[in-house]
Amino acid sequence: MNIVIIEDELKTAKSLENIVLALRPQAIITGQYQSIERSVEALQISQPDLIFMDIQLA
């Protein structure tokens, strides 16, 4: 399962990554982005199975 994390707080993104990998070691974090602008192009290319996204990006 390919997963992308969109989160503007690095500490939160890393914590989420650790939780995901602890629960699903076979998961692959294909990208971590801190803004929508930076993630749009990458999402079109990578087409992840799951996206974790902060609903209130700064």
Foldseek 3Di string as FASTA:
>chain_A
DEEEEAAQDPVVSVVVVVVVCVVPVVYHDPYYHDDPVVCVVVCVVPVGPYYHYDPDRD
